[in-house]
Amino acid sequence: MTIFLYVLVLIASVIAFIMMGLDKYYAKQGHWRIAERSLWMIALVGGAPGSWFGMITFRHKTKHAIFQYGMPALTIGWMIVLLFV
């Protein structure tokens, strides 16, 4: 179970990081965007560290308070889960 959770967080984080980068790219190009609901769903299933890192790397969603505080809080939550499993 422990290995599964670590792999889940790793894969979901990579996907979340890519999604943040794509959404930033789409925003600059004026294309259709990735729904915030999708960004939150991948973060909830384990991609919070990747989402947070993507926010910082791409400077994306950093002015939205829900993302500013929610992603770090969710990341800390996942880190606590991983520590105690």
Protein backbone atom coordinates (compact mmCIF):
# COMPACT_ATOMS: atom_id res chain seq x y z
CA MET A 1 0.00 0.00 0.00
CA THR A 2 2.82 2.40 0.86
CA ILE A 3 4.59 1.93 -2.48
CA PHE A 4 1.28 2.41 -4.27
CA LEU A 5 0.70 5.78 -2.57
CA TYR A 6 4.22 6.99 -3.35
CA VAL A 7 3.84 6.00 -7.00
CA LEU A 8 0.37 7.59 -7.12
CA VAL A 9 1.68 10.89 -5.77
CA LEU A 10 4.66 10.80 -8.13
CA ILE A 11 2.62 10.11 -11.28
CA ALA A 12 -0.20 12.49 -10.34
CA SER A 13 2.35 15.21 -9.55
CA VAL A 14 4.02 14.88 -12.93
CA ILE A 15 0.63 15.07 -14.65
CA ALA A 16 -0.40 18.06 -12.51
CA PHE A 17 2.85 19.88 -13.27
CA ILE A 18 2.33 19.36 -17.00
CA MET A 19 -1.30 20.49 -16.72
CA MET A 20 -0.23 23.74 -15.01
CA GLY A 21 2.31 24.38 -17.74
CA LEU A 22 -0.19 23.66 -20.49
CA ASP A 23 -2.85 25.85 -18.91
CA LYS A 24 -0.37 28.74 -18.66
CA TYR A 25 0.61 28.21 -22.30
CA TYR A 26 -3.03 28.09 -23.37
CA ALA A 27 -3.73 31.27 -21.41
CA LYS A 28 -0.94 33.13 -23.22
CA GLN A 29 -2.10 31.84 -26.61
CA GLY A 30 -5.77 32.67 -26.00
CA HIS A 31 -6.86 29.04 -26.44
CA TRP A 32 -9.38 27.00 -24.48
CA ARG A 33 -8.15 26.46 -20.95
CA ILE A 34 -7.97 23.51 -18.60
CA ALA A 35 -10.85 23.78 -16.14
CA GLU A 36 -9.89 24.72 -12.58
CA ARG A 37 -11.98 21.75 -11.47
CA SER A 38 -9.61 19.46 -13.39
CA LEU A 39 -6.56 21.11 -11.81
CA TRP A 40 -8.07 20.58 -8.35
CA MET A 41 -9.10 16.98 -9.06
CA ILE A 42 -5.59 15.92 -10.07
CA ALA A 43 -4.25 17.72 -6.98
CA LEU A 44 -6.73 15.94 -4.71
CA VAL A 45 -5.78 12.47 -5.95
CA GLY A 46 -2.11 13.09 -5.17
CA GLY A 47 -0.86 15.70 -7.59
CA ALA A 48 -0.76 18.59 -5.13
CA PRO A 49 3.06 18.72 -4.94
CA GLY A 50 3.30 18.88 -8.73
CA SER A 51 0.56 21.49 -8.93
CA TRP A 52 2.27 23.65 -6.34
CA PHE A 53 5.64 23.28 -8.07
CA GLY A 54 3.95 24.09 -11.41
CA MET A 55 2.35 27.19 -9.94
CA ILE A 56 5.76 28.44 -8.83
CA THR A 57 7.64 27.39 -11.98
CA PHE A 58 5.15 28.80 -14.49
CA ARG A 59 3.88 31.64 -12.24
CA HIS A 60 0.39 30.40 -12.88
CA LYS A 61 -2.68 30.83 -10.64
CA THR A 62 -0.49 32.57 -8.06
CA LYS A 63 -2.87 35.52 -7.67
CA HIS A 64 -5.84 33.30 -6.80
CA ALA A 65 -6.09 33.02 -3.02
CA ILE A 66 -7.67 29.56 -3.22
CA PHE A 67 -4.63 28.32 -5.13
CA GLN A 68 -2.12 30.35 -3.05
CA TYR A 69 -3.24 28.73 0.18
CA GLY A 70 -5.06 25.62 -1.00
CA MET A 71 -2.24 23.95 -2.94
CA PRO A 72 0.36 24.32 -0.18
CA ALA A 73 -2.16 23.07 2.39
CA LEU A 74 -3.11 20.11 0.22
CA THR A 75 0.57 19.34 -0.41
CA ILE A 76 1.27 19.36 3.33
CA GLY A 77 -1.72 17.08 3.82
CA TRP A 78 -0.36 14.59 1.29
CA MET A 79 3.10 14.74 2.87
CA ILE A 80 1.56 13.91 6.26
CA VAL A 81 -0.33 10.99 4.73
CA LEU A 82 2.88 9.68 3.16
CA LEU A 83 4.76 10.03 6.44
CA PHE A 84 2.26 8.01 8.45
CA VAL A 85 1.43 5.24 5.98
